[in-house]
């Protein structure tokens, strides 16, 4: 079983920054993919970043065009934690943000993940 715990959400003004954290436990961190999604009220869940471990403490991040250049994903294997640095926040970034993980051992579709965190609310005021 995998547990994912997000933190770092909150209320911020337009143009501000937040850093989300996702601590993973119950698995060998860095062996399978992880990612960040968000879901705004009345909208479908949106994949923001898909992260793939490429080596020791090395990750590849594929970032959605909608947030590329503003959102930066990173990971710290020593802490079994991934991060999402969000800069230049806009009111349309208001959503619940979710951390996700794959258990590995099979082929995945681009949006398929096995585990989800509880979500953290990000609200951007205008």
Foldseek 3Di string as FASTA:
>chain_A
DKAKAKDWADEEAAQAKIKMKIAMDDAQQQPWKKFKWWDDPPDDIGTAWIWHRDDDLDIDIDGDPVQPPFWDKHDDSVRNMIMIIGGRDDQVVWTWMKMFIARDDDDDDPPDGDDIHPTDTHGYHD
